[in-house]
């Protein structure tokens, strides 16, 4: 069964804007309770390679792994993605049109977050 013919069922791994609407940012939600707001204007590179979608910026890099990620990439290209998150169970039942196995966020932004937290203490 191809990606377009799958029915979307719970859980939902992403949300998009309403038809004809665009937004200036989207959120990456991690399973650890942290969310990252990414402005579309700051996206120099989005690379889709098989089951990996890479969002590459100077201070943060996001690696999304899963199935049918071209759907997410198309919504990013159209400035229409609202948020994205990984499956809490990590198990793909094959019923949803897109499956997100894992999201990894890396980069110098983590050093800045750490220094902000230390400044508060």
PDB file of N, CA and C in Angstrom:
ATOM      1  N   UNK A   1       0.851  -1.180   0.000  1.00  0.00           N
ATOM      2  CA  UNK A   1       0.000   0.000   0.000  1.00  0.00           C
ATOM      3  C   UNK A   1       0.891   1.235   0.000  1.00  0.00           C
ATOM      4  N   UNK A   2       0.637   2.201  -0.886  1.00  0.00           N
ATOM      5  CA  UNK A   2       1.477   3.386  -0.932  1.00  0.00           C
ATOM      6  C   UNK A   2       1.034   4.405   0.119  1.00  0.00           C
ATOM      7  N   UNK A   3       1.866   5.434   0.301  1.00  0.00           N
ATOM      8  CA  UNK A   3       1.627   6.428   1.351  1.00  0.00           C
ATOM      9  C   UNK A   3       0.319   7.175   1.166  1.00  0.00           C
ATOM     10  N   UNK A   4      -0.043   7.477  -0.053  1.00  0.00           N
ATOM     11  CA  UNK A   4      -1.248   8.273  -0.314  1.00  0.00           C
ATOM     12  C   UNK A   4      -2.525   7.504  -0.017  1.00  0.00           C
ATOM     13  N   UNK A   5      -2.477   6.175  -0.093  1.00  0.00           N
ATOM     14  CA  UNK A   5      -3.706   5.410   0.093  1.00  0.00           C
ATOM     15  C   UNK A   5      -3.909   4.945   1.534  1.00  0.00           C
ATOM     16  N   UNK A   6      -2.997   5.260   2.433  1.00  0.00           N
ATOM     17  CA  UNK A   6      -3.157   4.876   3.838  1.00  0.00           C
ATOM     18  C   UNK A   6      -4.121   5.831   4.537  1.00  0.00           C
ATOM     19  N   UNK A   7      -4.886   5.293   5.472  1.00  0.00           N
ATOM     20  CA  UNK A   7      -5.762   6.135   6.280  1.00  0.00           C
ATOM     21  C   UNK A   7      -4.978   6.655   7.472  1.00  0.00           C
ATOM     22  N   UNK A   8      -5.193   7.934   7.808  1.00  0.00           N
ATOM     23  CA  UNK A   8      -4.561   8.493   8.994  1.00  0.00           C
ATOM     24  C   UNK A   8      -5.373   8.077  10.207  1.00  0.00           C
ATOM     25  N   UNK A   9      -4.707   7.479  11.164  1.00  0.00           N
ATOM     26  CA  UNK A   9      -5.353   7.087  12.410  1.00  0.00           C
ATOM     27  C   UNK A   9      -4.534   7.638  13.550  1.00  0.00           C
ATOM     28  N   UNK A  10      -5.039   7.519  14.737  1.00  0.00           N
ATOM     29  CA  UNK A  10      -4.328   7.956  15.925  1.00  0.00           C
ATOM     30  C   UNK A  10      -3.119   7.063  16.131  1.00  0.00           C
ATOM     31  N   UNK A  11      -2.019   7.509  16.609  1.00  0.00           N
ATOM     32  CA  UNK A  11      -1.713   8.890  16.951  1.00  0.00           C
ATOM     33  C   UNK A  11      -1.339   9.706  15.714  1.00  0.00           C
ATOM     34  N   UNK A  12      -1.455  10.989  15.837  1.00  0.00           N
ATOM     35  CA  UNK A  12      -1.099  11.904  14.759  1.00  0.00           C
ATOM     36  C   UNK A  12       0.335  12.356  14.988  1.00  0.00           C
ATOM     37  N   UNK A  13       1.141  12.337  13.921  1.00  0.00           N
ATOM     38  CA  UNK A  13       2.558  12.659  14.033  1.00  0.00           C
ATOM     39  C   UNK A  13       2.892  14.062  13.559  1.00  0.00           C
ATOM     40  N   UNK A  14       1.933  14.743  12.931  1.00  0.00           N
ATOM     41  CA  UNK A  14       2.171  16.095  12.456  1.00  0.00           C
ATOM     42  C   UNK A  14       0.837  16.795  12.230  1.00  0.00           C
ATOM     43  N   UNK A  15       0.892  18.125  12.148  1.00  0.00           N
ATOM     44  CA  UNK A  15      -0.299  18.910  11.818  1.00  0.00           C
ATOM     45  C   UNK A  15       0.095  19.957  10.786  1.00  0.00           C
ATOM     46  N   UNK A  16      -0.838  20.285   9.921  1.00  0.00           N
ATOM     47  CA  UNK A  16      -0.596  21.269   8.872  1.00  0.00           C
ATOM     48  C   UNK A  16      -1.633  22.383   8.983  1.00  0.00           C
ATOM     49  N   UNK A  17      -1.353  23.490   8.314  1.00  0.00           N
ATOM     50  CA  UNK A  17      -2.274  24.623   8.301  1.00  0.00           C
ATOM     51  C   UNK A  17      -3.495  24.281   7.450  1.00  0.00           C
ATOM     52  N   UNK A  18      -4.531  25.071   7.598  1.00  0.00           N
ATOM     53  CA  UNK A  18      -5.730  24.902   6.776  1.00  0.00           C
ATOM     54  C   UNK A  18      -5.409  25.219   5.320  1.00  0.00           C
ATOM     55  N   UNK A  19      -6.227  24.717   4.417  1.00  0.00           N
ATOM     56  CA  UNK A  19      -6.024  24.921   2.981  1.00  0.00           C
ATOM     57  C   UNK A  19      -5.890  26.410   2.652  1.00  0.00           C
ATOM     58  N   UNK A  20      -4.849  26.760   1.903  1.00  0.00           N
ATOM     59  CA  UNK A  20      -4.617  28.138   1.493  1.00  0.00           C
ATOM     60  C   UNK A  20      -3.927  29.001   2.526  1.00  0.00           C
ATOM     61  N   UNK A  21      -3.712  28.485   3.710  1.00  0.00           N
ATOM     62  CA  UNK A  21      -3.071  29.226   4.790  1.00  0.00           C
ATOM     63  C   UNK A  21      -1.581  28.888   4.817  1.00  0.00           C
ATOM     64  N   UNK A  22      -0.757  29.810   5.287  1.00  0.00           N
ATOM     65  CA  UNK A  22       0.655  29.514   5.534  1.00  0.00           C
ATOM     66  C   UNK A  22       1.001  30.027   6.926  1.00  0.00           C
ATOM     67  N   UNK A  23       2.106  29.587   7.445  1.00  0.00           N
ATOM     68  CA  UNK A  23       2.563  30.022   8.758  1.00  0.00           C
ATOM     69  C   UNK A  23       4.045  30.368   8.657  1.00  0.00           C
ATOM     70  N   UNK A  24       4.549  31.118   9.609  1.00  0.00           N
ATOM     71  CA  UNK A  24       5.953  31.525   9.547  1.00  0.00           C
ATOM     72  C   UNK A  24       6.865  30.628  10.376  1.00  0.00           C
ATOM     73  N   UNK A  25       6.300  29.628  11.066  1.00  0.00           N
ATOM     74  CA  UNK A  25       7.125  28.746  11.896  1.00  0.00           C
ATOM     75  C   UNK A  25       6.433  27.392  12.086  1.00  0.00           C
ATOM     76  N   UNK A  26       7.208  26.438  12.593  1.00  0.00           N
ATOM     77  CA  UNK A  26       6.635  25.157  13.006  1.00  0.00           C
ATOM     78  C   UNK A  26       7.358  24.697  14.253  1.00  0.00           C
ATOM     79  N   UNK A  27       6.755  23.759  14.974  1.00  0.00           N
ATOM     80  CA  UNK A  27       7.350  23.239  16.207  1.00  0.00           C
ATOM     81  C   UNK A  27       7.816  21.807  16.004  1.00  0.00           C
ATOM     82  N   UNK A  28       8.949  21.501  16.602  1.00  0.00           N
ATOM     83  CA  UNK A  28       9.452  20.136  16.690  1.00  0.00           C
ATOM     84  C   UNK A  28       9.289  19.744  18.150  1.00  0.00           C
ATOM     85  N   UNK A  29       8.468  18.739  18.409  1.00  0.00           N
ATOM     86  CA  UNK A  29       8.182  18.293  19.768  1.00  0.00           C
ATOM     87  C   UNK A  29       8.973  17.023  20.056  1.00  0.00           C
ATOM     88  N   UNK A  30       9.761  17.035  21.117  1.00  0.00           N
ATOM     89  CA  UNK A  30      10.562  15.861  21.463  1.00  0.00           C
ATOM     90  C   UNK A  30       9.841  15.036  22.521  1.00  0.00           C
ATOM     91  N   UNK A  31      10.186  13.762  22.614  1.00  0.00           N
ATOM     92  CA  UNK A  31       9.542  12.923  23.627  1.00  0.00           C
ATOM     93  C   UNK A  31       9.976  13.293  25.044  1.00  0.00           C
ATOM     94  N   UNK A  32      10.968  14.167  25.181  1.00  0.00           N
ATOM     95  CA  UNK A  32      11.483  14.538  26.496  1.00  0.00           C
ATOM     96  C   UNK A  32      10.820  15.801  27.035  1.00  0.00           C
ATOM     97  N   UNK A  33       9.773  16.286  26.334  1.00  0.00           N
ATOM     98  CA  UNK A  33       9.040  17.446  26.806  1.00  0.00           C
ATOM     99  C   UNK A  33       9.573  18.786  26.335  1.00  0.00           C
ATOM    100  N   UNK A  34      10.589  18.783  25.505  1.00  0.00           N
ATOM    101  CA  UNK A  34      11.133  20.035  24.974  1.00  0.00           C
ATOM    102  C   UNK A  34      10.545  20.265  23.590  1.00  0.00           C
ATOM    103  N   UNK A  35      10.243  21.521  23.278  1.00  0.00           N
ATOM    104  CA  UNK A  35       9.799  21.847  21.933  1.00  0.00           C
ATOM    105  C   UNK A  35      10.697  22.936  21.368  1.00  0.00           C
ATOM    106  N   UNK A  36      10.915  22.870  20.075  1.00  0.00           N
ATOM    107  CA  UNK A  36      11.732  23.834  19.352  1.00  0.00           C
ATOM    108  C   UNK A  36      10.837  24.511  18.332  1.00  0.00           C
ATOM    109  N   UNK A  37      10.816  25.831  18.334  1.00  0.00           N
ATOM    110  CA  UNK A  37      10.078  26.580  17.325  1.00  0.00           C
ATOM    111  C   UNK A  37      11.077  27.003  16.258  1.00  0.00           C
ATOM    112  N   UNK A  38      10.808  26.614  15.032  1.00  0.00           N
ATOM    113  CA  UNK A  38      11.719  26.899  13.924  1.00  0.00           C
ATOM    114  C   UNK A  38      11.020  27.819  12.938  1.00  0.00           C
ATOM    115  N   UNK A  39      11.616  28.960  12.694  1.00  0.00           N
ATOM    116  CA  UNK A  39      11.086  29.914  11.709  1.00  0.00           C
ATOM    117  C   UNK A  39      11.445  29.420  10.310  1.00  0.00           C
ATOM    118  N   UNK A  40      10.478  29.442   9.414  1.00  0.00           N
ATOM    119  CA  UNK A  40      10.743  29.035   8.039  1.00  0.00           C
ATOM    120  C   UNK A  40      11.836  29.889   7.407  1.00  0.00           C
ATOM    121  N   UNK A  41      11.923  31.156   7.768  1.00  0.00           N
ATOM    122  CA  UNK A  41      12.934  32.055   7.204  1.00  0.00           C
ATOM    123  C   UNK A  41      14.354  31.628   7.571  1.00  0.00           C
ATOM    124  N   UNK A  42      14.504  30.792   8.613  1.00  0.00           N
ATOM    125  CA  UNK A  42      15.824  30.352   9.067  1.00  0.00           C
ATOM    126  C   UNK A  42      16.239  28.996   8.516  1.00  0.00           C
ATOM    127  N   UNK A  43      15.478  28.454   7.574  1.00  0.00           N
ATOM    128  CA  UNK A  43      15.755  27.114   7.052  1.00  0.00           C
ATOM    129  C   UNK A  43      16.636  27.166   5.805  1.00  0.00           C
ATOM    130  N   UNK A  44      17.949  27.046   5.976  1.00  0.00           N
ATOM    131  CA  UNK A  44      18.784  27.040   4.778  1.00  0.00           C
ATOM    132  C   UNK A  44      18.727  25.721   4.016  1.00  0.00           C
ATOM    133  N   UNK A  45      18.561  24.583   4.740  1.00  0.00           N
ATOM    134  CA  UNK A  45      18.603  23.286   4.062  1.00  0.00           C
ATOM    135  C   UNK A  45      17.626  22.299   4.705  1.00  0.00           C
ATOM    136  N   UNK A  46      16.839  21.667   3.857  1.00  0.00           N
ATOM    137  CA  UNK A  46      15.999  20.534   4.256  1.00  0.00           C
ATOM    138  C   UNK A  46      16.312  19.434   3.251  1.00  0.00           C
ATOM    139  N   UNK A  47      16.793  18.299   3.759  1.00  0.00           N
ATOM    140  CA  UNK A  47      17.246  17.214   2.898  1.00  0.00           C
ATOM    141  C   UNK A  47      16.451  15.950   3.225  1.00  0.00           C
ATOM    142  N   UNK A  48      15.851  15.360   2.209  1.00  0.00           N
ATOM    143  CA  UNK A  48      15.146  14.096   2.353  1.00  0.00           C
ATOM    144  C   UNK A  48      15.969  13.020   1.665  1.00  0.00           C
ATOM    145  N   UNK A  49      16.304  11.997   2.415  1.00  0.00           N
ATOM    146  CA  UNK A  49      17.081  10.882   1.865  1.00  0.00           C
ATOM    147  C   UNK A  49      16.511   9.585   2.421  1.00  0.00           C
ATOM    148  N   UNK A  50      15.695   8.921   1.626  1.00  0.00           N
ATOM    149  CA  UNK A  50      15.082   7.658   2.047  1.00  0.00           C
ATOM    150  C   UNK A  50      14.188   7.853   3.256  1.00  0.00           C
ATOM    151  N   UNK A  51      14.516   7.214   4.344  1.00  0.00           N
ATOM    152  CA  UNK A  51      13.705   7.284   5.557  1.00  0.00           C
ATOM    153  C   UNK A  51      14.220   8.336   6.535  1.00  0.00           C
ATOM    154  N   UNK A  52      15.038   9.272   6.049  1.00  0.00           N
ATOM    155  CA  UNK A  52      15.579  10.334   6.901  1.00  0.00           C
ATOM    156  C   UNK A  52      15.270  11.703   6.303  1.00  0.00           C
ATOM    157  N   UNK A  53      14.786  12.591   7.151  1.00  0.00           N
ATOM    158  CA  UNK A  53      14.550  13.978   6.779  1.00  0.00           C
ATOM    159  C   UNK A  53      15.446  14.826   7.677  1.00  0.00           C
ATOM    160  N   UNK A  54      16.351  15.585   7.063  1.00  0.00           N
ATOM    161  CA  UNK A  54      17.301  16.392   7.817  1.00  0.00           C
ATOM    162  C   UNK A  54      16.977  17.863   7.643  1.00  0.00           C
ATOM    163  N   UNK A  55      16.840  18.567   8.757  1.00  0.00           N
ATOM    164  CA  UNK A  55      16.631  20.006   8.765  1.00  0.00           C
ATOM    165  C   UNK A  55      17.919  20.593   9.337  1.00  0.00           C
ATOM    166  N   UNK A  56      18.645  21.322   8.494  1.00  0.00           N
ATOM    167  CA  UNK A  56      19.997  21.744   8.860  1.00  0.00           C
ATOM    168  C   UNK A  56      20.060  23.269   8.901  1.00  0.00           C
ATOM    169  N   UNK A  57      20.365  23.795  10.092  1.00  0.00           N
ATOM    170  CA  UNK A  57      20.564  25.222  10.307  1.00  0.00           C
ATOM    171  C   UNK A  57      21.909  25.393  11.014  1.00  0.00           C
ATOM    172  N   UNK A  58      22.463  26.596  11.053  1.00  0.00           N
ATOM    173  CA  UNK A  58      23.774  26.773  11.670  1.00  0.00           C
ATOM    174  C   UNK A  58      23.841  26.361  13.144  1.00  0.00           C
ATOM    175  N   UNK A  59      22.806  26.625  13.934  1.00  0.00           N
ATOM    176  CA  UNK A  59      22.875  26.366  15.367  1.00  0.00           C
ATOM    177  C   UNK A  59      22.110  25.137  15.836  1.00  0.00           C
ATOM    178  N   UNK A  60      21.357  24.519  14.945  1.00  0.00           N
ATOM    179  CA  UNK A  60      20.598  23.332  15.322  1.00  0.00           C
ATOM    180  C   UNK A  60      20.378  22.455  14.086  1.00  0.00           C
ATOM    181  N   UNK A  61      20.449  21.153  14.316  1.00  0.00           N
ATOM    182  CA  UNK A  61      20.181  20.188  13.257  1.00  0.00           C
ATOM    183  C   UNK A  61      19.135  19.213  13.782  1.00  0.00           C
ATOM    184  N   UNK A  62      18.133  18.942  12.943  1.00  0.00           N
ATOM    185  CA  UNK A  62      17.048  18.036  13.319  1.00  0.00           C
ATOM    186  C   UNK A  62      17.071  16.858  12.352  1.00  0.00           C
ATOM    187  N   UNK A  63      17.089  15.655  12.907  1.00  0.00           N
ATOM    188  CA  UNK A  63      17.028  14.438  12.102  1.00  0.00           C
ATOM    189  C   UNK A  63      15.733  13.723  12.452  1.00  0.00           C
ATOM    190  N   UNK A  64      14.882  13.554  11.448  1.00  0.00           N
ATOM    191  CA  UNK A  64      13.607  12.850  11.612  1.00  0.00           C
ATOM    192  C   UNK A  64      13.709  11.556  10.830  1.00  0.00           C
ATOM    193  N   UNK A  65      13.423  10.426  11.481  1.00  0.00           N
ATOM    194  CA  UNK A  65      13.435   9.146  10.792  1.00  0.00           C
ATOM    195  C   UNK A  65      12.032   8.554  10.816  1.00  0.00           C
ATOM    196  N   UNK A  66      11.680   7.856   9.739  1.00  0.00           N
ATOM    197  CA  UNK A  66      10.369   7.245   9.673  1.00  0.00           C
ATOM    198  C   UNK A  66      10.003   6.815   8.266  1.00  0.00           C
ATOM    199  N   UNK A  67       8.695   6.807   8.008  1.00  0.00           N
ATOM    200  CA  UNK A  67       8.157   6.340   6.733  1.00  0.00           C
ATOM    201  C   UNK A  67       7.323   7.448   6.088  1.00  0.00           C
ATOM    202  N   UNK A  68       7.405   7.541   4.774  1.00  0.00           N
ATOM    203  CA  UNK A  68       6.638   8.526   3.980  1.00  0.00           C
ATOM    204  C   UNK A  68       6.943   9.960   4.394  1.00  0.00           C
ATOM    205  N   UNK A  69       8.187  10.237   4.685  1.00  0.00           N
ATOM    206  CA  UNK A  69       8.583  11.564   5.150  1.00  0.00           C
ATOM    207  C   UNK A  69       8.525  12.619   4.056  1.00  0.00           C
ATOM    208  N   UNK A  70       8.351  12.199   2.805  1.00  0.00           N
ATOM    209  CA  UNK A  70       8.192  13.186   1.731  1.00  0.00           C
ATOM    210  C   UNK A  70       6.961  14.050   1.970  1.00  0.00           C
ATOM    211  N   UNK A  71       5.965  13.522   2.682  1.00  0.00           N
ATOM    212  CA  UNK A  71       4.768  14.301   3.014  1.00  0.00           C
ATOM    213  C   UNK A  71       5.149  15.471   3.923  1.00  0.00           C
ATOM    214  N   UNK A  72       5.966  15.201   4.940  1.00  0.00           N
ATOM    215  CA  UNK A  72       6.434  16.250   5.859  1.00  0.00           C
ATOM    216  C   UNK A  72       7.287  17.254   5.090  1.00  0.00           C
ATOM    217  N   UNK A  73       8.184  16.755   4.249  1.00  0.00           N
ATOM    218  CA  UNK A  73       9.062  17.626   3.469  1.00  0.00           C
ATOM    219  C   UNK A  73       8.262  18.550   2.552  1.00  0.00           C
ATOM    220  N   UNK A  74       7.203  18.044   1.951  1.00  0.00           N
ATOM    221  CA  UNK A  74       6.354  18.867   1.074  1.00  0.00           C
ATOM    222  C   UNK A  74       5.658  19.973   1.863  1.00  0.00           C
ATOM    223  N   UNK A  75       5.197  19.662   3.061  1.00  0.00           N
ATOM    224  CA  UNK A  75       4.542  20.681   3.891  1.00  0.00           C
ATOM    225  C   UNK A  75       5.548  21.729   4.382  1.00  0.00           C
ATOM    226  N   UNK A  76       6.775  21.318   4.661  1.00  0.00           N
ATOM    227  CA  UNK A  76       7.812  22.293   5.022  1.00  0.00           C
ATOM    228  C   UNK A  76       8.085  23.209   3.830  1.00  0.00           C
ATOM    229  N   UNK A  77       8.223  22.633   2.647  1.00  0.00           N
ATOM    230  CA  UNK A  77       8.502  23.418   1.447  1.00  0.00           C
ATOM    231  C   UNK A  77       7.393  24.432   1.157  1.00  0.00           C
ATOM    232  N   UNK A  78       6.168  24.106   1.532  1.00  0.00           N
ATOM    233  CA  UNK A  78       5.028  25.003   1.304  1.00  0.00           C
ATOM    234  C   UNK A  78       4.741  25.909   2.509  1.00  0.00           C
ATOM    235  N   UNK A  79       5.629  25.894   3.515  1.00  0.00           N
ATOM    236  CA  UNK A  79       5.437  26.683   4.754  1.00  0.00           C
ATOM    237  C   UNK A  79       4.093  26.359   5.404  1.00  0.00           C
ATOM    238  N   UNK A  80       3.740  25.079   5.385  1.00  0.00           N
ATOM    239  CA  UNK A  80       2.442  24.685   5.904  1.00  0.00           C
ATOM    240  C   UNK A  80       2.465  23.715   7.065  1.00  0.00           C
ATOM    241  N   UNK A  81       3.639  23.329   7.538  1.00  0.00           N
ATOM    242  CA  UNK A  81       3.725  22.417   8.682  1.00  0.00           C
ATOM    243  C   UNK A  81       3.537  23.218   9.963  1.00  0.00           C
ATOM    244  N   UNK A  82       2.683  22.762  10.855  1.00  0.00           N
ATOM    245  CA  UNK A  82       2.493  23.427  12.161  1.00  0.00           C
ATOM    246  C   UNK A  82       3.383  22.799  13.235  1.00  0.00           C
ATOM    247  N   UNK A  83       3.371  21.476  13.316  1.00  0.00           N
ATOM    248  CA  UNK A  83       4.208  20.774  14.287  1.00  0.00           C
ATOM    249  C   UNK A  83       4.458  19.347  13.820  1.00  0.00           C
ATOM    250  N   UNK A  84       5.486  18.748  14.416  1.00  0.00           N
ATOM    251  CA  UNK A  84       5.858  17.372  14.117  1.00  0.00           C
ATOM    252  C   UNK A  84       6.342  16.727  15.411  1.00  0.00           C
ATOM    253  N   UNK A  85       6.003  15.453  15.603  1.00  0.00           N
ATOM    254  CA  UNK A  85       6.466  14.726  16.783  1.00  0.00           C
ATOM    255  C   UNK A  85       6.649  13.252  16.439  1.00  0.00           C
ATOM    256  N   UNK A  86       7.436  12.575  17.240  1.00  0.00           N
ATOM    257  CA  UNK A  86       7.713  11.153  17.032  1.00  0.00           C
ATOM    258  C   UNK A  86       6.645  10.297  17.711  1.00  0.00           C
ATOM    259  N   UNK A  87       6.548   9.070  17.266  1.00  0.00           N
ATOM    260  CA  UNK A  87       5.642   8.107  17.873  1.00  0.00           C
ATOM    261  C   UNK A  87       6.066   7.843  19.312  1.00  0.00           C
ATOM    262  N   UNK A  88       5.138   7.915  20.258  1.00  0.00           N
ATOM    263  CA  UNK A  88       5.518   7.620  21.647  1.00  0.00           C
ATOM    264  C   UNK A  88       5.936   6.165  21.839  1.00  0.00           C
ATOM    265  N   UNK A  89       5.344   5.256  21.077  1.00  0.00           N
ATOM    266  CA  UNK A  89       5.664   3.836  21.235  1.00  0.00           C
ATOM    267  C   UNK A  89       6.853   3.409  20.384  1.00  0.00           C
ATOM    268  N   UNK A  90       7.101   4.137  19.286  1.00  0.00           N
ATOM    269  CA  UNK A  90       8.168   3.754  18.368  1.00  0.00           C
ATOM    270  C   UNK A  90       7.801   2.575  17.479  1.00  0.00           C
ATOM    271  N   UNK A  91       6.536   2.155  17.523  1.00  0.00           N
ATOM    272  CA  UNK A  91       6.098   0.997  16.727  1.00  0.00           C
ATOM    273  C   UNK A  91       5.182   1.462  15.602  1.00  0.00           C
ATOM    274  N   UNK A  92       5.483   1.023  14.402  1.00  0.00           N
ATOM    275  CA  UNK A  92       4.712   1.382  13.214  1.00  0.00           C
ATOM    276  C   UNK A  92       3.682   0.297  12.940  1.00  0.00           C
ATOM    277  N   UNK A  93       2.397   0.638  13.089  1.00  0.00           N
ATOM    278  CA  UNK A  93       1.341  -0.333  12.802  1.00  0.00           C
ATOM    279  C   UNK A  93       0.936  -0.310  11.328  1.00  0.00           C
ATOM    280  N   UNK A  94       1.536   0.619  10.536  1.00  0.00           N
ATOM    281  CA  UNK A  94       1.272   0.688   9.111  1.00  0.00           C
ATOM    282  C   UNK A  94      -0.057   1.307   8.743  1.00  0.00           C
ATOM    283  N   UNK A  95      -0.820   1.790   9.704  1.00  0.00           N
ATOM    284  CA  UNK A  95      -2.151   2.323   9.428  1.00  0.00           C
ATOM    285  C   UNK A  95      -2.160   3.818   9.111  1.00  0.00           C
ATOM    286  N   UNK A  96      -1.185   4.561   9.579  1.00  0.00           N
ATOM    287  CA  UNK A  96      -1.169   6.000   9.331  1.00  0.00           C
ATOM    288  C   UNK A  96      -0.427   6.299   8.029  1.00  0.00           C
ATOM    289  N   UNK A  97      -0.742   7.445   7.430  1.00  0.00           N
ATOM    290  CA  UNK A  97      -0.110   7.794   6.159  1.00  0.00           C
ATOM    291  C   UNK A  97       1.363   8.142   6.331  1.00  0.00           C
ATOM    292  N   UNK A  98       1.753   8.650   7.481  1.00  0.00           N
ATOM    293  CA  UNK A  98       3.140   8.992   7.786  1.00  0.00           C
ATOM    294  C   UNK A  98       3.463   8.404   9.146  1.00  0.00           C
ATOM    295  N   UNK A  99       4.653   7.852   9.288  1.00  0.00           N
ATOM    296  CA  UNK A  99       5.098   7.362  10.592  1.00  0.00           C
ATOM    297  C   UNK A  99       6.420   8.016  10.925  1.00  0.00           C
ATOM    298  N   UNK A 100       6.521   8.580  12.119  1.00  0.00           N
ATOM    299  CA  UNK A 100       7.769   9.184  12.579  1.00  0.00           C
ATOM    300  C   UNK A 100       8.293   8.353  13.742  1.00  0.00           C
ATOM    301  N   UNK A 101       9.393   7.682  13.481  1.00  0.00           N
ATOM    302  CA  UNK A 101      10.009   6.791  14.445  1.00  0.00           C
ATOM    303  C   UNK A 101      10.766   7.555  15.518  1.00  0.00           C
ATOM    304  N   UNK A 102      11.562   8.536  15.097  1.00  0.00           N
ATOM    305  CA  UNK A 102      12.436   9.224  16.047  1.00  0.00           C
ATOM    306  C   UNK A 102      12.752  10.628  15.549  1.00  0.00           C
ATOM    307  N   UNK A 103      12.963  11.539  16.490  1.00  0.00           N
ATOM    308  CA  UNK A 103      13.431  12.887  16.183  1.00  0.00           C
ATOM    309  C   UNK A 103      14.626  13.161  17.069  1.00  0.00           C
ATOM    310  N   UNK A 104      15.743  13.517  16.441  1.00  0.00           N
ATOM    311  CA  UNK A 104      16.956  13.888  17.176  1.00  0.00           C
ATOM    312  C   UNK A 104      17.253  15.351  16.884  1.00  0.00           C
ATOM    313  N   UNK A 105      17.557  16.111  17.919  1.00  0.00           N
ATOM    314  CA  UNK A 105      17.930  17.513  17.763  1.00  0.00           C
ATOM    315  C   UNK A 105      19.318  17.687  18.352  1.00  0.00           C
ATOM    316  N   UNK A 106      20.213  18.253  17.553  1.00  0.00           N
ATOM    317  CA  UNK A 106      21.597  18.454  17.980  1.00  0.00           C
ATOM    318  C   UNK A 106      22.040  19.850  17.589  1.00  0.00           C
ATOM    319  N   UNK A 107      23.140  20.290  18.152  1.00  0.00           N
ATOM    320  CA  UNK A 107      23.714  21.559  17.742  1.00  0.00           C
ATOM    321  C   UNK A 107      24.091  22.447  18.902  1.00  0.00           C
ATOM    322  N   UNK A 108      24.665  23.592  18.568  1.00  0.00           N
ATOM    323  CA  UNK A 108      25.166  24.517  19.574  1.00  0.00           C
ATOM    324  C   UNK A 108      24.052  25.139  20.406  1.00  0.00           C
ATOM    325  N   UNK A 109      22.816  25.025  19.962  1.00  0.00           N
ATOM    326  CA  UNK A 109      21.705  25.561  20.736  1.00  0.00           C
ATOM    327  C   UNK A 109      21.640  24.921  22.122  1.00  0.00           C
ATOM    328  N   UNK A 110      22.074  23.677  22.238  1.00  0.00           N
ATOM    329  CA  UNK A 110      22.049  22.987  23.529  1.00  0.00           C
ATOM    330  C   UNK A 110      23.039  23.609  24.509  1.00  0.00           C
ATOM    331  N   UNK A 111      24.170  24.106  24.028  1.00  0.00           N
ATOM    332  CA  UNK A 111      25.123  24.812  24.885  1.00  0.00           C
ATOM    333  C   UNK A 111      24.485  26.097  25.408  1.00  0.00           C
ATOM    334  N   UNK A 112      23.760  26.809  24.540  1.00  0.00           N
ATOM    335  CA  UNK A 112      23.086  28.040  24.957  1.00  0.00           C
ATOM    336  C   UNK A 112      22.005  27.753  25.989  1.00  0.00           C
ATOM    337  N   UNK A 113      21.245  26.693  25.781  1.00  0.00           N
ATOM    338  CA  UNK A 113      20.203  26.319  26.742  1.00  0.00           C
ATOM    339  C   UNK A 113      20.841  25.998  28.086  1.00  0.00           C
ATOM    340  N   UNK A 114      21.941  25.242  28.059  1.00  0.00           N
ATOM    341  CA  UNK A 114      22.637  24.890  29.297  1.00  0.00           C
ATOM    342  C   UNK A 114      23.143  26.118  30.033  1.00  0.00           C
ATOM    343  N   UNK A 115      23.701  27.082  29.310  1.00  0.00           N
ATOM    344  CA  UNK A 115      24.214  28.278  29.979  1.00  0.00           C
ATOM    345  C   UNK A 115      23.075  29.134  30.528  1.00  0.00           C
ATOM    346  N   UNK A 116      21.940  29.178  29.849  1.00  0.00           N
ATOM    347  CA  UNK A 116      20.784  29.910  30.383  1.00  0.00           C
ATOM    348  C   UNK A 116      20.286  29.277  31.688  1.00  0.00           C
ATOM    349  N   UNK A 117      20.226  27.967  31.716  1.00  0.00           N
ATOM    350  CA  UNK A 117      19.769  27.278  32.920  1.00  0.00           C
ATOM    351  C   UNK A 117      20.733  27.523  34.075  1.00  0.00           C
ATOM    352  N   UNK A 118      22.031  27.567  33.812  1.00  0.00           N
ATOM    353  CA  UNK A 118      23.013  27.803  34.874  1.00  0.00           C
ATOM    354  C   UNK A 118      22.934  29.237  35.365  1.00  0.00           C
ATOM    355  N   UNK A 119      22.617  30.176  34.483  1.00  0.00           N
ATOM    356  CA  UNK A 119      22.491  31.586  34.871  1.00  0.00           C
ATOM    357  C   UNK A 119      21.324  31.787  35.832  1.00  0.00           C
ATOM    358  N   UNK A 120      20.280  30.957  35.728  1.00  0.00           N
ATOM    359  CA  UNK A 120      19.109  31.089  36.584  1.00  0.00           C
ATOM    360  C   UNK A 120      19.387  30.599  38.002  1.00  0.00           C
ATOM    361  N   UNK A 121      20.367  29.752  38.178  1.00  0.00           N
ATOM    362  CA  UNK A 121      20.631  29.147  39.502  1.00  0.00           C
ATOM    363  C   UNK A 121      21.339  30.094  40.428  1.00  0.00           C
TER     364      UNK A 121
END
